[in-house]
Amino acid sequence: MSEKRKLKKSLLVRLDDEQYACITHHARQRDITANSLVRECLAGALSPSDTYQKVKPVKAYSPRTPPKPEYIKELYRLRESTAELCGALVQYAIKTRQDGHVMAHKEAEKLIPDVRQAVLNLDTLRRKLERHE
């Protein structure tokens, strides 16, 4: 659960560049968030030692790494292959209908919406990945 959901109250504290750098540096050394470090310092300064023990530090968040370009290229290939599959499935459905293969036609028609949706999902994923590059 995020800090925002667990901890409902907040204070705005303005810092100069040097103070901010010092706090974030110490937080990184301990692999916790800067907010956790400030909470610990405040609890230690204002509360009895038993209350201080109740303050639990929050582990620092790792920034997301952008996707590798080769992953996006592979996603393009997968999307194109899936789109070709959809086209082939449509052609198969047409041919089975023309040849009077009712069951095969019905099965092909059932699959087409799922394959089309897979193409759309791959497009959505590609757009999201490209935004994070």
Foldseek 3Di string as FASTA:
>chain_A
DDPCVVPPDDDDDDDDPVVVVVLCVVCVVVQFHSVLVVVLVVCVVPHPPVSSVVRDTHGHDDDDDADDPVVLVVLVVVLVVLVVVLVVLVVQLVVCVVVVVVVSNVVSVVCNVVSVVVSVVSVVVSVVSVVRD
